[in-house]
Amino acid sequence: MTTINVEQATLETCLEKSQRERVILTRNGKPVALLVNVEGMDAEQIELGSSGQFWKMMAERRAQFTVSREQLEEQLPGE
């Protein structure tokens, strides 16, 4: 992760560095923004990736009981 002071930052430098690692922009030594690479992602992926509500839902779903495909197929009536 790289830290850059906004007074010294150029857009080109920030974009270039954010393609390889996260970039924290600071003002007066305090973080004010985080730049991350989103190349190859669509708008929905970007929106969901930063949604606390989405990640809460994912955590809840992952904590639920699951059945493997093999177990499911065993439960289905035979042909």
PDB file of N, CA and C in Angstrom:
ATOM      1  N   MET A   1       0.847  -1.172   0.000  1.00  0.00           N
ATOM      2  CA  MET A   1       0.000   0.000   0.000  1.00  0.00           C
ATOM      3  C   MET A   1       0.893   1.236   0.000  1.00  0.00           C
ATOM      4  N   THR A   2       0.498   2.205  -0.807  1.00  0.00           N
ATOM      5  CA  THR A   2       1.262   3.444  -0.928  1.00  0.00           C
ATOM      6  C   THR A   2       0.459   4.600  -0.341  1.00  0.00           C
ATOM      7  N   THR A   3       1.145   5.523   0.286  1.00  0.00           N
ATOM      8  CA  THR A   3       0.514   6.728   0.824  1.00  0.00           C
ATOM      9  C   THR A   3       1.060   7.932   0.072  1.00  0.00           C
ATOM     10  N   ILE A   4       0.147   8.797  -0.385  1.00  0.00           N
ATOM     11  CA  ILE A   4       0.536   9.998  -1.128  1.00  0.00           C
ATOM     12  C   ILE A   4      -0.203  11.199  -0.547  1.00  0.00           C
ATOM     13  N   ASN A   5       0.530  12.279  -0.321  1.00  0.00           N
ATOM     14  CA  ASN A   5      -0.060  13.530   0.149  1.00  0.00           C
ATOM     15  C   ASN A   5      -0.795  14.187  -1.018  1.00  0.00           C
ATOM     16  N   VAL A   6      -2.038  14.617  -0.814  1.00  0.00           N
ATOM     17  CA  VAL A   6      -2.818  15.185  -1.917  1.00  0.00           C
ATOM     18  C   VAL A   6      -2.172  16.429  -2.517  1.00  0.00           C
ATOM     19  N   GLU A   7      -1.425  17.171  -1.729  1.00  0.00           N
ATOM     20  CA  GLU A   7      -0.761  18.367  -2.260  1.00  0.00           C
ATOM     21  C   GLU A   7       0.346  18.014  -3.246  1.00  0.00           C
ATOM     22  N   GLN A   8       0.873  16.786  -3.146  1.00  0.00           N
ATOM     23  CA  GLN A   8       1.962  16.356  -4.028  1.00  0.00           C
ATOM     24  C   GLN A   8       1.486  15.379  -5.105  1.00  0.00           C
ATOM     25  N   ALA A   9       0.235  14.946  -5.015  1.00  0.00           N
ATOM     26  CA  ALA A   9      -0.276  13.914  -5.917  1.00  0.00           C
ATOM     27  C   ALA A   9      -0.634  14.475  -7.281  1.00  0.00           C
ATOM     28  N   THR A  10      -0.381  13.672  -8.302  1.00  0.00           N
ATOM     29  CA  THR A  10      -0.900  13.969  -9.631  1.00  0.00           C
ATOM     30  C   THR A  10      -1.859  12.849  -9.993  1.00  0.00           C
ATOM     31  N   LEU A  11      -2.829  13.145 -10.808  1.00  0.00           N
ATOM     32  CA  LEU A  11      -3.801  12.134 -11.203  1.00  0.00           C
ATOM     33  C   LEU A  11      -3.105  10.952 -11.868  1.00  0.00           C
ATOM     34  N   GLU A  12      -2.175  11.229 -12.738  1.00  0.00           N
ATOM     35  CA  GLU A  12      -1.464  10.167 -13.456  1.00  0.00           C
ATOM     36  C   GLU A  12      -0.715   9.247 -12.494  1.00  0.00           C
ATOM     37  N   THR A  13      -0.017   9.817 -11.514  1.00  0.00           N
ATOM     38  CA  THR A  13       0.713   9.016 -10.542  1.00  0.00           C
ATOM     39  C   THR A  13      -0.247   8.148  -9.728  1.00  0.00           C
ATOM     40  N   CYS A  14      -1.344   8.736  -9.287  1.00  0.00           N
ATOM     41  CA  CYS A  14      -2.325   7.986  -8.492  1.00  0.00           C
ATOM     42  C   CYS A  14      -2.916   6.835  -9.288  1.00  0.00           C
ATOM     43  N   LEU A  15      -3.286   7.087 -10.536  1.00  0.00           N
ATOM     44  CA  LEU A  15      -3.855   6.031 -11.370  1.00  0.00           C
ATOM     45  C   LEU A  15      -2.842   4.923 -11.626  1.00  0.00           C
ATOM     46  N   GLU A  16      -1.632   5.309 -11.925  1.00  0.00           N
ATOM     47  CA  GLU A  16      -0.578   4.322 -12.203  1.00  0.00           C
ATOM     48  C   GLU A  16      -0.320   3.429 -10.986  1.00  0.00           C
ATOM     49  N   LYS A  17      -0.168   4.049  -9.823  1.00  0.00           N
ATOM     50  CA  LYS A  17       0.112   3.269  -8.611  1.00  0.00           C
ATOM     51  C   LYS A  17      -1.084   2.408  -8.212  1.00  0.00           C
ATOM     52  N   SER A  18      -2.303   2.906  -8.412  1.00  0.00           N
ATOM     53  CA  SER A  18      -3.491   2.149  -7.995  1.00  0.00           C
ATOM     54  C   SER A  18      -3.717   0.907  -8.850  1.00  0.00           C
ATOM     55  N   GLN A  19      -3.052   0.807  -9.997  1.00  0.00           N
ATOM     56  CA  GLN A  19      -3.164  -0.393 -10.822  1.00  0.00           C
ATOM     57  C   GLN A  19      -2.404  -1.562 -10.199  1.00  0.00           C
ATOM     58  N   ARG A  20      -1.454  -1.274  -9.318  1.00  0.00           N
ATOM     59  CA  ARG A  20      -0.620  -2.315  -8.700  1.00  0.00           C
ATOM     60  C   ARG A  20      -0.930  -2.537  -7.222  1.00  0.00           C
ATOM     61  N   GLU A  21      -1.389  -1.490  -6.541  1.00  0.00           N
ATOM     62  CA  GLU A  21      -1.642  -1.583  -5.107  1.00  0.00           C
ATOM     63  C   GLU A  21      -2.623  -0.495  -4.685  1.00  0.00           C
ATOM     64  N   ARG A  22      -3.140  -0.612  -3.484  1.00  0.00           N
ATOM     65  CA  ARG A  22      -4.034   0.417  -2.966  1.00  0.00           C
ATOM     66  C   ARG A  22      -3.234   1.679  -2.672  1.00  0.00           C
ATOM     67  N   VAL A  23      -3.886   2.811  -2.877  1.00  0.00           N
ATOM     68  CA  VAL A  23      -3.236   4.099  -2.643  1.00  0.00           C
ATOM     69  C   VAL A  23      -4.077   4.887  -1.649  1.00  0.00           C
ATOM     70  N   ILE A  24      -3.456   5.308  -0.564  1.00  0.00           N
ATOM     71  CA  ILE A  24      -4.125   6.155   0.420  1.00  0.00           C
ATOM     72  C   ILE A  24      -3.691   7.592   0.173  1.00  0.00           C
ATOM     73  N   LEU A  25      -4.670   8.466  -0.044  1.00  0.00           N
ATOM     74  CA  LEU A  25      -4.369   9.894  -0.177  1.00  0.00           C
ATOM     75  C   LEU A  25      -4.537  10.532   1.196  1.00  0.00           C
ATOM     76  N   THR A  26      -3.569  11.355   1.569  1.00  0.00           N
ATOM     77  CA  THR A  26      -3.619  12.011   2.872  1.00  0.00           C
ATOM     78  C   THR A  26      -3.604  13.529   2.714  1.00  0.00           C
ATOM     79  N   ARG A  27      -4.177  14.191   3.704  1.00  0.00           N
ATOM     80  CA  ARG A  27      -4.113  15.653   3.796  1.00  0.00           C
ATOM     81  C   ARG A  27      -3.728  15.967   5.239  1.00  0.00           C
ATOM     82  N   ASN A  28      -2.681  16.725   5.408  1.00  0.00           N
ATOM     83  CA  ASN A  28      -2.166  17.038   6.744  1.00  0.00           C
ATOM     84  C   ASN A  28      -1.877  15.767   7.540  1.00  0.00           C
ATOM     85  N   GLY A  29      -1.387  14.734   6.842  1.00  0.00           N
ATOM     86  CA  GLY A  29      -1.005  13.492   7.487  1.00  0.00           C
ATOM     87  C   GLY A  29      -2.154  12.547   7.820  1.00  0.00           C
ATOM     88  N   LYS A  30      -3.391  12.930   7.475  1.00  0.00           N
ATOM     89  CA  LYS A  30      -4.546  12.099   7.800  1.00  0.00           C
ATOM     90  C   LYS A  30      -5.167  11.545   6.518  1.00  0.00           C
ATOM     91  N   PRO A  31      -5.557  10.270   6.521  1.00  0.00           N
ATOM     92  CA  PRO A  31      -6.169   9.679   5.322  1.00  0.00           C
ATOM     93  C   PRO A  31      -7.469  10.384   4.952  1.00  0.00           C
ATOM     94  N   VAL A  32      -7.633  10.660   3.646  1.00  0.00           N
ATOM     95  CA  VAL A  32      -8.866  11.287   3.156  1.00  0.00           C
ATOM     96  C   VAL A  32      -9.518  10.493   2.032  1.00  0.00           C
ATOM     97  N   ALA A  33      -8.776   9.591   1.390  1.00  0.00           N
ATOM     98  CA  ALA A  33      -9.346   8.797   0.298  1.00  0.00           C
ATOM     99  C   ALA A  33      -8.510   7.541   0.095  1.00  0.00           C
ATOM    100  N   LEU A  34      -9.181   6.535  -0.472  1.00  0.00           N
ATOM    101  CA  LEU A  34      -8.521   5.284  -0.813  1.00  0.00           C
ATOM    102  C   LEU A  34      -8.792   5.008  -2.283  1.00  0.00           C
ATOM    103  N   LEU A  35      -7.741   4.776  -3.056  1.00  0.00           N
ATOM    104  CA  LEU A  35      -7.879   4.442  -4.471  1.00  0.00           C
ATOM    105  C   LEU A  35      -7.575   2.967  -4.656  1.00  0.00           C
ATOM    106  N   VAL A  36      -8.470   2.270  -5.355  1.00  0.00           N
ATOM    107  CA  VAL A  36      -8.276   0.845  -5.640  1.00  0.00           C
ATOM    108  C   VAL A  36      -8.523   0.592  -7.114  1.00  0.00           C
ATOM    109  N   ASN A  37      -7.874  -0.399  -7.648  1.00  0.00           N
ATOM    110  CA  ASN A  37      -8.025  -0.770  -9.047  1.00  0.00           C
ATOM    111  C   ASN A  37      -9.374  -1.461  -9.244  1.00  0.00           C
ATOM    112  N   VAL A  38     -10.164  -0.992 -10.198  1.00  0.00           N
ATOM    113  CA  VAL A  38     -11.446  -1.624 -10.516  1.00  0.00           C
ATOM    114  C   VAL A  38     -11.498  -2.062 -11.975  1.00  0.00           C
ATOM    115  N   GLU A  39     -10.344  -2.086 -12.617  1.00  0.00           N
ATOM    116  CA  GLU A  39     -10.269  -2.496 -14.013  1.00  0.00           C
ATOM    117  C   GLU A  39     -10.828  -3.908 -14.167  1.00  0.00           C
ATOM    118  N   GLY A  40     -11.686  -4.105 -15.155  1.00  0.00           N
ATOM    119  CA  GLY A  40     -12.283  -5.402 -15.420  1.00  0.00           C
ATOM    120  C   GLY A  40     -13.566  -5.656 -14.645  1.00  0.00           C
ATOM    121  N   MET A  41     -13.943  -4.745 -13.775  1.00  0.00           N
ATOM    122  CA  MET A  41     -15.178  -4.901 -13.011  1.00  0.00           C
ATOM    123  C   MET A  41     -16.277  -4.052 -13.640  1.00  0.00           C
ATOM    124  N   ASP A  42     -17.525  -4.505 -13.500  1.00  0.00           N
ATOM    125  CA  ASP A  42     -18.625  -3.684 -13.994  1.00  0.00           C
ATOM    126  C   ASP A  42     -19.197  -2.864 -12.827  1.00  0.00           C
ATOM    127  N   ALA A  43     -20.128  -1.979 -13.128  1.00  0.00           N
ATOM    128  CA  ALA A  43     -20.673  -1.071 -12.115  1.00  0.00           C
ATOM    129  C   ALA A  43     -21.317  -1.828 -10.955  1.00  0.00           C
ATOM    130  N   GLU A  44     -22.008  -2.933 -11.250  1.00  0.00           N
ATOM    131  CA  GLU A  44     -22.660  -3.707 -10.197  1.00  0.00           C
ATOM    132  C   GLU A  44     -21.632  -4.322  -9.251  1.00  0.00           C
ATOM    133  N   GLN A  45     -20.548  -4.860  -9.780  1.00  0.00           N
ATOM    134  CA  GLN A  45     -19.500  -5.448  -8.941  1.00  0.00           C
ATOM    135  C   GLN A  45     -18.867  -4.387  -8.033  1.00  0.00           C
ATOM    136  N   ILE A  46     -18.652  -3.215  -8.577  1.00  0.00           N
ATOM    137  CA  ILE A  46     -18.055  -2.132  -7.796  1.00  0.00           C
ATOM    138  C   ILE A  46     -18.998  -1.713  -6.677  1.00  0.00           C
ATOM    139  N   GLU A  47     -20.280  -1.566  -7.010  1.00  0.00           N
ATOM    140  CA  GLU A  47     -21.271  -1.147  -6.016  1.00  0.00           C
ATOM    141  C   GLU A  47     -21.408  -2.183  -4.908  1.00  0.00           C
ATOM    142  N   LEU A  48     -21.541  -3.457  -5.267  1.00  0.00           N
ATOM    143  CA  LEU A  48     -21.700  -4.504  -4.258  1.00  0.00           C
ATOM    144  C   LEU A  48     -20.446  -4.663  -3.404  1.00  0.00           C
ATOM    145  N   GLY A  49     -19.291  -4.503  -4.019  1.00  0.00           N
ATOM    146  CA  GLY A  49     -18.040  -4.653  -3.285  1.00  0.00           C
ATOM    147  C   GLY A  49     -17.877  -3.655  -2.163  1.00  0.00           C
ATOM    148  N   SER A  50     -18.541  -2.524  -2.254  1.00  0.00           N
ATOM    149  CA  SER A  50     -18.417  -1.507  -1.214  1.00  0.00           C
ATOM    150  C   SER A  50     -19.682  -1.378  -0.372  1.00  0.00           C
ATOM    151  N   SER A  51     -20.598  -2.340  -0.502  1.00  0.00           N
ATOM    152  CA  SER A  51     -21.866  -2.296   0.225  1.00  0.00           C
ATOM    153  C   SER A  51     -21.783  -3.115   1.512  1.00  0.00           C
ATOM    154  N   GLY A  52     -21.858  -2.453   2.636  1.00  0.00           N
ATOM    155  CA  GLY A  52     -21.869  -3.144   3.920  1.00  0.00           C
ATOM    156  C   GLY A  52     -23.063  -4.074   4.052  1.00  0.00           C
ATOM    157  N   GLN A  53     -24.205  -3.649   3.542  1.00  0.00           N
ATOM    158  CA  GLN A  53     -25.417  -4.462   3.596  1.00  0.00           C
ATOM    159  C   GLN A  53     -25.235  -5.768   2.813  1.00  0.00           C
ATOM    160  N   PHE A  54     -24.616  -5.690   1.643  1.00  0.00           N
ATOM    161  CA  PHE A  54     -24.362  -6.879   0.832  1.00  0.00           C
ATOM    162  C   PHE A  54     -23.468  -7.863   1.580  1.00  0.00           C
ATOM    163  N   TRP A  55     -22.365  -7.379   2.159  1.00  0.00           N
ATOM    164  CA  TRP A  55     -21.431  -8.267   2.847  1.00  0.00           C
ATOM    165  C   TRP A  55     -22.034  -8.851   4.117  1.00  0.00           C
ATOM    166  N   LYS A  56     -22.924  -8.105   4.767  1.00  0.00           N
ATOM    167  CA  LYS A  56     -23.635  -8.647   5.925  1.00  0.00           C
ATOM    168  C   LYS A  56     -24.517  -9.808   5.476  1.00  0.00           C
ATOM    169  N   MET A  57     -25.257  -9.619   4.376  1.00  0.00           N
ATOM    170  CA  MET A  57     -26.103 -10.677   3.842  1.00  0.00           C
ATOM    171  C   MET A  57     -25.262 -11.900   3.469  1.00  0.00           C
ATOM    172  N   MET A  58     -24.108 -11.682   2.836  1.00  0.00           N
ATOM    173  CA  MET A  58     -23.240 -12.797   2.457  1.00  0.00           C
ATOM    174  C   MET A  58     -22.775 -13.575   3.690  1.00  0.00           C
ATOM    175  N   ALA A  59     -22.401 -12.885   4.736  1.00  0.00           N
ATOM    176  CA  ALA A  59     -21.956 -13.543   5.960  1.00  0.00           C
ATOM    177  C   ALA A  59     -23.082 -14.369   6.567  1.00  0.00           C
ATOM    178  N   GLU A  60     -24.297 -13.821   6.554  1.00  0.00           N
ATOM    179  CA  GLU A  60     -25.447 -14.563   7.078  1.00  0.00           C
ATOM    180  C   GLU A  60     -25.708 -15.815   6.254  1.00  0.00           C
ATOM    181  N   ARG A  61     -25.653 -15.702   4.945  1.00  0.00           N
ATOM    182  CA  ARG A  61     -25.902 -16.859   4.076  1.00  0.00           C
ATOM    183  C   ARG A  61     -24.831 -17.925   4.256  1.00  0.00           C
ATOM    184  N   ARG A  62     -23.593 -17.499   4.383  1.00  0.00           N
ATOM    185  CA  ARG A  62     -22.494 -18.453   4.551  1.00  0.00           C
ATOM    186  C   ARG A  62     -22.573 -19.193   5.876  1.00  0.00           C
ATOM    187  N   ALA A  63     -23.235 -18.596   6.866  1.00  0.00           N
ATOM    188  CA  ALA A  63     -23.373 -19.234   8.173  1.00  0.00           C
ATOM    189  C   ALA A  63     -24.528 -20.241   8.196  1.00  0.00           C
ATOM    190  N   GLN A  64     -25.362 -20.229   7.165  1.00  0.00           N
ATOM    191  CA  GLN A  64     -26.502 -21.147   7.114  1.00  0.00           C
ATOM    192  C   GLN A  64     -26.060 -22.561   6.766  1.00  0.00           C
ATOM    193  N   PHE A  65     -26.911 -23.519   7.155  1.00  0.00           N
ATOM    194  CA  PHE A  65     -26.675 -24.919   6.843  1.00  0.00           C
ATOM    195  C   PHE A  65     -26.681 -25.107   5.331  1.00  0.00           C
ATOM    196  N   THR A  66     -25.760 -25.902   4.831  1.00  0.00           N
ATOM    197  CA  THR A  66     -25.697 -26.170   3.398  1.00  0.00           C
ATOM    198  C   THR A  66     -25.652 -27.670   3.145  1.00  0.00           C
ATOM    199  N   VAL A  67     -25.978 -28.028   1.939  1.00  0.00           N
ATOM    200  CA  VAL A  67     -25.956 -29.421   1.503  1.00  0.00           C
ATOM    201  C   VAL A  67     -25.069 -29.501   0.277  1.00  0.00           C
ATOM    202  N   SER A  68     -24.196 -30.483   0.238  1.00  0.00           N
ATOM    203  CA  SER A  68     -23.333 -30.639  -0.931  1.00  0.00           C
ATOM    204  C   SER A  68     -24.161 -31.142  -2.108  1.00  0.00           C
ATOM    205  N   ARG A  69     -23.645 -31.007  -3.285  1.00  0.00           N
ATOM    206  CA  ARG A  69     -24.341 -31.507  -4.476  1.00  0.00           C
ATOM    207  C   ARG A  69     -24.564 -33.013  -4.369  1.00  0.00           C
ATOM    208  N   GLU A  70     -23.548 -33.711  -3.875  1.00  0.00           N
ATOM    209  CA  GLU A  70     -23.660 -35.167  -3.728  1.00  0.00           C
ATOM    210  C   GLU A  70     -24.801 -35.526  -2.772  1.00  0.00           C
ATOM    211  N   GLN A  71     -24.883 -34.805  -1.641  1.00  0.00           N
ATOM    212  CA  GLN A  71     -25.963 -35.064  -0.683  1.00  0.00           C
ATOM    213  C   GLN A  71     -27.331 -34.753  -1.298  1.00  0.00           C
ATOM    214  N   LEU A  72     -27.407 -33.682  -2.049  1.00  0.00           N
ATOM    215  CA  LEU A  72     -28.659 -33.311  -2.702  1.00  0.00           C
ATOM    216  C   LEU A  72     -29.089 -34.378  -3.698  1.00  0.00           C
ATOM    217  N   GLU A  73     -28.154 -34.860  -4.497  1.00  0.00           N
ATOM    218  CA  GLU A  73     -28.476 -35.888  -5.490  1.00  0.00           C
ATOM    219  C   GLU A  73     -28.938 -37.181  -4.822  1.00  0.00           C
ATOM    220  N   GLU A  74     -28.388 -37.485  -3.639  1.00  0.00           N
ATOM    221  CA  GLU A  74     -28.816 -38.683  -2.912  1.00  0.00           C
ATOM    222  C   GLU A  74     -30.265 -38.545  -2.439  1.00  0.00           C
ATOM    223  N   GLN A  75     -30.680 -37.317  -2.168  1.00  0.00           N
ATOM    224  CA  GLN A  75     -32.031 -37.069  -1.653  1.00  0.00           C
ATOM    225  C   GLN A  75     -33.073 -37.035  -2.770  1.00  0.00           C
ATOM    226  N   LEU A  76     -32.659 -36.809  -4.005  1.00  0.00           N
ATOM    227  CA  LEU A  76     -33.591 -36.735  -5.127  1.00  0.00           C
ATOM    228  C   LEU A  76     -34.056 -38.122  -5.509  1.00  0.00           C
ATOM    229  N   PRO A  77     -35.320 -38.219  -5.937  1.00  0.00           N
ATOM    230  CA  PRO A  77     -35.807 -39.538  -6.386  1.00  0.00           C
ATOM    231  C   PRO A  77     -35.025 -40.019  -7.601  1.00  0.00           C
ATOM    232  N   GLY A  78     -34.769 -41.329  -7.658  1.00  0.00           N
ATOM    233  CA  GLY A  78     -34.013 -41.907  -8.778  1.00  0.00           C
ATOM    234  C   GLY A  78     -34.812 -41.885 -10.064  1.00  0.00           C
ATOM    235  N   GLU A  79     -34.121 -42.085 -11.148  1.00  0.00           N
ATOM    236  CA  GLU A  79     -34.777 -42.062 -12.460  1.00  0.00           C
ATOM    237  C   GLU A  79     -35.314 -43.394 -12.840  1.00  0.00           C
TER     238      GLU A  79
END
